[in-house]
Amino acid sequence: MGQAAQFALSKNAQVGIIALSLALAPAMRDAGCYAAVPDHLYEPLPQGFVVTRRGADKPLAAAFAAFMTSAEAASILQRHGLEPFVVSPP
């Protein structure tokens, strides 16, 4: 989807199907208009983050994970067209 956004932004395409988060980004938002595809027309594409074994004992990785599952991060993600993260057990 990133390449479709690049084509639309560079005017090498008149239309593109891109992630809502890309459509809401300042560069795309200011370049034209968008229409959200109705939810019933596609299967959701789950996204997430992971803390690797190597990062499991790193304070910065723990802080990042804690932030990404916070109410503040949920608000930011939703503003950019993304769903908040739900933590699953290890």
Protein backbone atom coordinates (compact mmCIF):
# COMPACT_ATOMS: atom_id res chain seq x y z
CA MET A 1 0.00 0.00 0.00
CA GLY A 2 2.92 2.35 0.56
CA GLN A 3 3.83 2.28 -3.11
CA ALA A 4 0.25 3.12 -4.11
CA ALA A 5 0.43 6.14 -1.79
CA GLN A 6 3.71 7.22 -3.40
CA PHE A 7 2.19 6.96 -6.88
CA ALA A 8 -0.83 9.03 -5.83
CA LEU A 9 1.27 11.61 -4.00
CA SER A 10 3.66 12.00 -6.96
CA LYS A 11 0.66 12.32 -9.33
CA ASN A 12 1.72 9.19 -11.23
CA ALA A 13 -1.70 7.79 -10.29
CA GLN A 14 -4.99 9.62 -10.03
CA VAL A 15 -6.40 7.25 -7.42
CA GLY A 16 -4.97 4.69 -5.01
CA ILE A 17 -6.22 2.21 -2.43
CA ILE A 18 -4.05 2.87 0.61
CA ALA A 19 -4.13 2.37 4.37
CA LEU A 20 -6.33 4.86 6.19
CA SER A 21 -3.35 5.76 8.38
CA LEU A 22 -1.49 6.86 5.22
CA ALA A 23 -4.49 8.83 3.96
CA LEU A 24 -4.62 10.68 7.28
CA ALA A 25 -0.89 11.50 7.27
CA PRO A 26 -0.19 15.22 6.69
CA ALA A 27 1.42 14.77 3.25
CA MET A 28 -1.53 12.80 1.86
CA ARG A 29 -4.21 14.68 3.78
CA ASP A 30 -3.08 17.95 2.24
CA ALA A 31 -2.75 16.49 -1.28
CA GLY A 32 -6.38 15.64 -1.91
CA CYS A 33 -9.33 13.85 -0.41
CA TYR A 34 -10.08 10.31 0.67
CA ALA A 35 -13.03 8.02 1.19
CA ALA A 36 -12.87 5.18 3.70
CA VAL A 37 -13.73 1.76 2.28
CA PRO A 38 -16.72 0.38 4.23
CA ASP A 39 -15.67 -2.25 6.80
CA HIS A 40 -17.98 -4.91 5.38
CA LEU A 41 -16.13 -4.91 2.04
CA TYR A 42 -12.82 -6.28 3.32
CA GLU A 43 -11.22 -8.45 5.97
CA PRO A 44 -9.25 -6.49 8.55
CA LEU A 45 -5.47 -6.63 8.35
CA PRO A 46 -4.27 -7.16 11.92
CA GLN A 47 -1.18 -5.22 12.92
CA GLY A 48 0.82 -5.28 16.10
CA PHE A 49 4.16 -4.91 17.75
CA VAL A 50 6.45 -7.42 19.40
CA VAL A 51 9.12 -7.29 22.06
CA THR A 52 11.81 -9.76 21.04
CA ARG A 53 13.68 -12.04 23.44
CA ARG A 54 16.69 -9.82 22.99
CA GLY A 55 14.64 -6.78 23.97
CA ALA A 56 12.72 -8.44 26.80
CA ASP A 57 15.19 -7.30 29.46
CA LYS A 58 15.75 -3.82 28.01
CA PRO A 59 14.09 -0.97 29.91
CA LEU A 60 13.47 1.02 26.72
CA ALA A 61 11.64 -1.90 25.10
CA ALA A 62 9.48 -2.30 28.22
CA ALA A 63 8.75 1.44 28.24
CA PHE A 64 7.79 1.33 24.55
CA ALA A 65 5.47 -1.64 25.11
CA ALA A 66 3.89 0.05 28.12
CA PHE A 67 3.31 3.23 26.12
CA MET A 68 1.88 1.40 23.09
CA THR A 69 -0.73 -0.24 25.32
CA SER A 70 -1.62 2.98 27.16
CA ALA A 71 -4.75 5.09 26.77
CA GLU A 72 -2.60 7.90 25.34
CA ALA A 73 -1.25 5.66 22.58
CA ALA A 74 -4.75 4.31 21.88
CA SER A 75 -5.96 7.87 21.32
CA ILE A 76 -3.06 8.65 18.98
CA LEU A 77 -3.53 5.42 17.02
CA GLN A 78 -7.27 6.04 16.60
CA ARG A 79 -6.63 9.59 15.40
CA HIS A 80 -4.47 8.11 12.65
CA GLY A 81 -6.96 5.45 11.57
CA LEU A 82 -5.49 2.53 13.54
CA GLU A 83 -6.99 0.30 16.19
CA PRO A 84 -5.49 0.33 19.69
CA PHE A 85 -3.39 -2.66 20.71
CA VAL A 86 -4.77 -5.46 22.85
CA VAL A 87 -2.10 -7.26 24.84
CA SER A 88 -2.04 -11.03 24.57
CA PRO A 89 -0.23 -13.19 27.11
CA PRO A 90 3.26 -14.42 26.22
